[in-house]
């Protein structure tokens, strides 16, 4: 006997943050990043600045990231259907993973280029580098502010936000480099800034990669299964809890399934036990969707966790 209970009232403010990311904002950010990319690419070519060129390629990646994030958000809003009973929520998780992975790849390329420039420095036009960097910083800052609101509670938007934030920091670094080159003709500052920014980008992207991989691999969220078992055993009528599975559909939706042992009773009596369990898991552990399988004697000797390949229904 199984009971499915779903909830849609949790994390309301997170969903509001996501919905605030309107089409107009994404479109504005995409246009700004496209213009920045063109300006920085031309500025990097004519000034000889590696940090400008690297920032141009980074901004190009950001433009693709913003477009991808927007469409991933749109896809995630599609309703559940027969082929996708959990809906399309993981579209944003996949987008966040790909965006962050691409950031790390770009960072590695920039570090390699930066190290090469340290040993073979080239003359740089500090004036042009400085002008382009100032324009890029302003545009990047506007883009970052546009996406800042929903970045705390949505991995997809956060990945895109980090793209834009790293661009802003990179542009600030280029400004600093342009000033030092203009005043002291210190051309080595250009690759040094490139390497520092690349390391920062990697450090920010890694936690997102780690979290998205865990969700995609259906890893258990930060929930104590033994504490849940203990709390469930305190509910009158439950004599055992085993075969527990907990996973996340996305960063907000946690799913729980378990087998519970109860005394032999009518289905109508069992339903009176299901409701307290669902309320406990929802209120204390933030679990939205609960599936319970009721048993009497079967499975009493099983562990809290059980490989589903060895489970015989």
Protein backbone atom coordinates (compact mmCIF):
# COMPACT_ATOMS: atom_id res chain seq x y z
CA UNK A 1 0.00 0.00 0.00
CA UNK A 2 1.48 3.33 -1.03
CA UNK A 3 0.55 6.91 -0.50
CA UNK A 4 1.92 9.88 -2.44
CA UNK A 5 1.74 13.27 -0.84
CA UNK A 6 3.04 16.36 -2.64
CA UNK A 7 3.37 19.89 -1.47
CA UNK A 8 3.74 23.13 -3.40
CA UNK A 9 3.68 25.76 -0.65
CA UNK A 10 7.31 25.69 0.39
CA UNK A 11 10.04 28.07 -0.71
CA UNK A 12 7.53 30.59 -2.00
CA UNK A 13 10.02 33.43 -1.82
CA UNK A 14 12.55 31.42 -3.83
CA UNK A 15 10.01 30.85 -6.60
CA UNK A 16 9.13 34.54 -6.56
CA UNK A 17 12.82 35.33 -7.02
CA UNK A 18 12.97 33.04 -10.03
CA UNK A 19 9.82 34.50 -11.54
CA UNK A 20 11.30 37.98 -11.12
CA UNK A 21 13.87 37.08 -13.77
CA UNK A 22 11.71 38.36 -16.60
CA UNK A 23 12.34 38.01 -20.29
CA UNK A 24 13.18 41.71 -20.48
CA UNK A 25 15.99 41.37 -17.94
CA UNK A 26 17.55 38.41 -19.69
CA UNK A 27 17.25 40.18 -23.04
CA UNK A 28 18.87 43.35 -21.64
CA UNK A 29 21.74 41.40 -20.09
CA UNK A 30 22.32 39.49 -23.35
CA UNK A 31 22.48 42.71 -25.40
CA UNK A 32 24.85 44.33 -22.89
CA UNK A 33 27.16 41.31 -22.87
CA UNK A 34 27.21 41.13 -26.65
CA UNK A 35 28.25 44.79 -26.87
CA UNK A 36 30.88 44.31 -24.16
CA UNK A 37 32.29 41.31 -26.02
CA UNK A 38 32.69 43.27 -29.25
CA UNK A 39 34.23 46.31 -27.52
CA UNK A 40 36.67 44.26 -25.44
CA UNK A 41 37.70 42.06 -28.35
CA UNK A 42 38.56 45.08 -30.52
CA UNK A 43 40.18 46.81 -27.55
CA UNK A 44 42.27 43.74 -26.74
CA UNK A 45 43.44 43.34 -30.34
CA UNK A 46 44.47 46.99 -30.76
CA UNK A 47 45.94 47.43 -27.26
CA UNK A 48 47.69 44.06 -27.06
CA UNK A 49 46.11 43.30 -23.66
CA UNK A 50 45.61 39.62 -22.81
CA UNK A 51 43.31 40.47 -19.92
CA UNK A 52 41.01 42.40 -22.28
CA UNK A 53 40.96 39.57 -24.81
CA UNK A 54 40.35 36.98 -22.10
CA UNK A 55 37.55 39.10 -20.71
CA UNK A 56 36.07 39.38 -24.21
CA UNK A 57 35.93 35.60 -24.59
CA UNK A 58 34.58 35.34 -21.07
CA UNK A 59 31.81 37.80 -21.92
CA UNK A 60 31.00 35.84 -25.05
CA UNK A 61 30.57 32.77 -22.85
CA UNK A 62 28.38 34.83 -20.54
CA UNK A 63 26.07 35.83 -23.38
CA UNK A 64 25.58 32.18 -24.23
CA UNK A 65 25.14 31.44 -20.52
CA UNK A 66 22.41 34.04 -20.09
CA UNK A 67 20.49 32.75 -23.11
CA UNK A 68 20.88 29.15 -21.92
CA UNK A 69 19.80 30.05 -18.39
CA UNK A 70 16.72 31.86 -19.62
CA UNK A 71 15.55 28.95 -21.76
CA UNK A 72 16.37 26.48 -18.98
CA UNK A 73 14.18 28.54 -16.66
CA UNK A 74 11.36 28.54 -19.23
CA UNK A 75 11.65 24.77 -19.70
CA UNK A 76 11.60 24.18 -15.93
CA UNK A 77 8.19 25.87 -15.72
CA UNK A 78 6.56 23.27 -17.96
CA UNK A 79 3.96 21.12 -16.18
CA UNK A 80 4.36 17.46 -15.29
CA UNK A 81 3.30 14.91 -17.88
CA UNK A 82 3.24 11.18 -18.50
CA UNK A 83 6.87 11.09 -19.67
CA UNK A 84 8.20 13.48 -17.00
CA UNK A 85 6.24 12.89 -13.82
CA UNK A 86 8.49 15.23 -11.83
CA UNK A 87 8.24 17.91 -14.49
CA UNK A 88 11.27 19.66 -16.00
CA UNK A 89 12.77 21.23 -12.88
CA UNK A 90 16.21 19.75 -13.51
CA UNK A 91 16.61 21.76 -16.72
CA UNK A 92 17.94 24.57 -14.54
CA UNK A 93 20.27 22.18 -12.69
CA UNK A 94 21.75 20.98 -15.99
CA UNK A 95 22.15 24.58 -17.16
CA UNK A 96 23.89 25.56 -13.91
CA UNK A 97 26.25 22.58 -14.21
CA UNK A 98 27.19 23.33 -17.83
CA UNK A 99 27.65 27.05 -17.14
CA UNK A 100 29.92 26.40 -14.16
CA UNK A 101 31.90 23.70 -15.96
CA UNK A 102 32.46 26.06 -18.88
CA UNK A 103 33.69 28.71 -16.44
CA UNK A 104 36.31 26.31 -15.09
CA UNK A 105 37.45 25.38 -18.61
CA UNK A 106 37.78 29.06 -19.54
CA UNK A 107 39.72 29.69 -16.31
CA UNK A 108 42.22 26.93 -17.12
CA UNK A 109 42.78 28.38 -20.61
CA UNK A 110 43.29 31.87 -19.15
CA UNK A 111 45.77 30.60 -16.56
CA UNK A 112 47.81 28.84 -19.25
CA UNK A 113 47.82 31.97 -21.43
CA UNK A 114 48.69 34.13 -18.44
CA UNK A 115 51.67 31.99 -17.47
CA UNK A 116 52.95 32.10 -21.05
CA UNK A 117 52.66 35.91 -21.07
CA UNK A 118 54.67 36.10 -17.84
CA UNK A 119 57.66 34.64 -19.65
CA UNK A 120 57.01 36.49 -22.92
CA UNK A 121 55.59 39.91 -22.02
CA UNK A 122 54.41 42.17 -24.84
CA UNK A 123 54.02 45.94 -25.11
CA UNK A 124 50.51 47.13 -24.20
CA UNK A 125 48.62 50.34 -24.97
CA UNK A 126 47.63 51.32 -21.42
CA UNK A 127 45.40 54.24 -22.45
CA UNK A 128 43.18 52.18 -24.75
CA UNK A 129 43.15 49.31 -22.29
CA UNK A 130 41.97 51.64 -19.51
CA UNK A 131 39.18 53.26 -21.56
CA UNK A 132 37.76 49.93 -22.72
CA UNK A 133 37.97 48.48 -19.21
CA UNK A 134 36.00 51.38 -17.69
CA UNK A 135 33.21 51.03 -20.28
CA UNK A 136 33.09 47.26 -19.74
CA UNK A 137 33.00 47.60 -15.96
CA UNK A 138 29.95 49.87 -16.06
CA UNK A 139 28.08 47.55 -18.44
CA UNK A 140 29.04 44.44 -16.44
CA UNK A 141 27.92 46.07 -13.20
CA UNK A 142 24.50 46.86 -14.68
CA UNK A 143 24.13 43.25 -15.89
CA UNK A 144 25.15 41.88 -12.49
CA UNK A 145 22.62 44.04 -10.66
CA UNK A 146 19.86 42.94 -13.03
CA UNK A 147 20.34 39.28 -12.07
CA UNK A 148 21.36 39.71 -8.43
CA UNK A 149 17.88 39.36 -6.93
CA UNK A 150 17.26 35.71 -7.76
CA UNK A 151 20.83 34.45 -7.38
CA UNK A 152 20.62 33.35 -3.73
CA UNK A 153 17.96 30.67 -4.08
CA UNK A 154 18.37 29.36 -7.64
CA UNK A 155 21.47 27.49 -8.83
CA UNK A 156 20.80 28.28 -12.48
CA UNK A 157 20.50 32.03 -11.90
CA UNK A 158 23.41 31.94 -9.45
CA UNK A 159 25.67 30.32 -12.04
CA UNK A 160 24.76 33.05 -14.54
CA UNK A 161 25.12 35.72 -11.85
CA UNK A 162 28.63 34.43 -11.04
CA UNK A 163 29.49 34.66 -14.73
CA UNK A 164 28.56 38.34 -14.68
CA UNK A 165 30.12 39.06 -11.28
CA UNK A 166 33.40 37.51 -12.38
CA UNK A 167 33.28 39.70 -15.48
CA UNK A 168 32.83 42.80 -13.32
CA UNK A 169 35.79 41.82 -11.14
CA UNK A 170 37.85 41.03 -14.22
CA UNK A 171 37.06 44.45 -15.67
CA UNK A 172 38.07 46.10 -12.39
CA UNK A 173 41.30 44.15 -12.55
CA UNK A 174 41.88 45.34 -16.10
CA UNK A 175 41.33 48.95 -14.95
CA UNK A 176 43.94 48.46 -12.23
CA UNK A 177 46.29 46.91 -14.77
CA UNK A 178 45.74 49.77 -17.21
CA UNK A 179 46.59 52.32 -14.50
CA UNK A 180 49.78 50.49 -13.49
CA UNK A 181 50.86 50.07 -17.11
CA UNK A 182 50.16 53.73 -17.86
CA UNK A 183 52.03 55.00 -14.78
CA UNK A 184 54.88 52.50 -14.46
CA UNK A 185 54.92 50.62 -17.78
CA UNK A 186 54.60 47.39 -15.80
CA UNK A 187 53.30 45.04 -18.52
CA UNK A 188 53.57 41.94 -16.32
CA UNK A 189 50.53 43.12 -14.35
CA UNK A 190 48.30 42.16 -17.29
CA UNK A 191 48.91 38.36 -17.14
CA UNK A 192 49.07 38.45 -13.33
CA UNK A 193 45.58 39.95 -13.13
CA UNK A 194 44.36 37.42 -15.69
CA UNK A 195 45.61 34.52 -13.54
CA UNK A 196 44.15 35.94 -10.31
CA UNK A 197 40.72 36.47 -11.86
CA UNK A 198 40.78 32.97 -13.41
CA UNK A 199 41.57 31.40 -10.03
CA UNK A 200 38.73 33.34 -8.42
CA UNK A 201 36.28 32.22 -11.11
CA UNK A 202 37.24 28.56 -10.59
CA UNK A 203 36.85 28.86 -6.82
CA UNK A 204 33.34 30.30 -7.21
CA UNK A 205 32.24 27.79 -9.85
CA UNK A 206 33.41 24.65 -8.03
CA UNK A 207 30.71 24.62 -5.29
CA UNK A 208 27.98 24.93 -7.93
CA UNK A 209 29.45 22.03 -9.92
CA UNK A 210 29.65 19.95 -6.75
CA UNK A 211 26.04 20.69 -5.75
CA UNK A 212 24.55 20.17 -9.22
CA UNK A 213 26.40 16.86 -9.69
CA UNK A 214 25.05 15.68 -6.33
CA UNK A 215 21.49 16.52 -7.40
CA UNK A 216 21.90 14.90 -10.83
CA UNK A 217 23.35 11.78 -9.18
CA UNK A 218 20.33 11.73 -6.83
CA UNK A 219 22.53 12.14 -3.79
CA UNK A 220 20.79 12.65 -0.46
CA UNK A 221 20.44 16.29 0.64
CA UNK A 222 21.75 17.41 4.04
CA UNK A 223 19.11 15.51 6.00
CA UNK A 224 19.79 13.07 8.87
CA UNK A 225 18.05 9.83 7.90
CA UNK A 226 18.53 8.32 11.35
CA UNK A 227 16.92 11.37 12.96
CA UNK A 228 13.98 10.98 10.57
CA UNK A 229 13.71 7.29 11.47
CA UNK A 230 13.70 8.13 15.18
CA UNK A 231 11.02 10.81 14.74
CA UNK A 232 8.84 8.51 12.65
CA UNK A 233 9.14 5.72 15.22
CA UNK A 234 7.70 8.11 17.81
CA UNK A 235 4.47 8.31 15.82
CA UNK A 236 1.86 5.97 17.28
CA UNK A 237 1.24 2.94 15.09
CA UNK A 238 4.69 2.77 13.43
CA UNK A 239 6.87 -0.14 14.61
CA UNK A 240 9.66 0.04 12.03
CA UNK A 241 11.17 2.18 9.26
CA UNK A 242 13.43 0.82 6.53
CA UNK A 243 14.30 1.04 2.83
CA UNK A 244 14.61 4.84 3.04
CA UNK A 245 15.46 6.94 -0.02
CA UNK A 246 15.87 10.73 -0.03
CA UNK A 247 16.85 12.78 -3.06
CA UNK A 248 16.40 16.23 -4.60
CA UNK A 249 14.60 17.01 -7.84
CA UNK A 250 16.17 20.48 -7.79
CA UNK A 251 17.70 22.65 -5.06
CA UNK A 252 14.28 23.27 -3.50
CA UNK A 253 12.25 20.06 -3.90
CA UNK A 254 13.15 17.09 -1.66
CA UNK A 255 11.55 13.68 -2.23
CA UNK A 256 11.26 10.93 0.40
CA UNK A 257 10.22 7.28 0.19
CA UNK A 258 10.27 4.56 2.83
CA UNK A 259 8.77 1.27 3.95
CA UNK A 260 7.08 1.41 7.35
CA UNK A 261 6.01 -1.47 9.58
CA UNK A 262 2.62 -1.19 11.28
CA UNK A 263 0.29 -3.54 13.09
CA UNK A 264 -2.28 -5.31 10.93
CA UNK A 265 -5.10 -2.80 10.35
CA UNK A 266 -7.62 -1.46 7.86
CA UNK A 267 -6.48 0.92 5.12
CA UNK A 268 -8.68 3.63 6.62
CA UNK A 269 -6.77 3.27 9.90
CA UNK A 270 -3.39 3.38 8.13
CA UNK A 271 -4.29 6.67 6.49
CA UNK A 272 -4.53 8.24 9.94
CA UNK A 273 -0.82 7.43 10.37
CA UNK A 274 0.25 8.75 6.97
CA UNK A 275 -0.89 12.30 7.65
CA UNK A 276 1.27 12.84 10.80
CA UNK A 277 4.27 11.39 8.93
CA UNK A 278 3.82 13.75 5.99
CA UNK A 279 3.35 16.72 8.32
CA UNK A 280 6.47 15.81 10.31
CA UNK A 281 8.63 15.48 7.21
CA UNK A 282 7.25 18.68 5.69
CA UNK A 283 7.46 20.89 8.77
CA UNK A 284 10.73 19.66 10.31
CA UNK A 285 12.78 18.52 7.32
CA UNK A 286 11.38 20.53 4.39
CA UNK A 287 10.38 17.42 2.44
CA UNK A 288 7.66 18.17 -0.10
CA UNK A 289 6.84 14.78 -1.59
CA UNK A 290 6.41 11.65 0.54
CA UNK A 291 5.79 8.06 -0.59
CA UNK A 292 5.16 5.41 2.07
CA UNK A 293 4.78 1.66 1.67
CA UNK A 294 3.00 0.00 4.59
CA UNK A 295 4.06 -3.48 5.76
CA UNK A 296 3.27 -5.65 8.78
CA UNK A 297 5.99 -8.31 9.20
CA UNK A 298 7.80 -7.98 5.89
CA UNK A 299 11.12 -6.14 6.01
CA UNK A 300 11.41 -5.90 9.79
CA UNK A 301 15.00 -7.13 9.71
CA UNK A 302 16.06 -4.90 6.83
CA UNK A 303 18.46 -2.00 7.31
CA UNK A 304 17.52 1.67 7.08
CA UNK A 305 19.00 1.66 3.58
CA UNK A 306 18.49 -1.16 1.09
CA UNK A 307 19.83 -1.63 -2.41
CA UNK A 308 16.72 -1.55 -4.62
CA UNK A 309 18.27 -4.27 -6.79
CA UNK A 310 17.82 -6.69 -3.89
CA UNK A 311 14.27 -5.57 -3.11
CA UNK A 312 11.50 -7.97 -4.09
CA UNK A 313 8.00 -6.44 -4.06
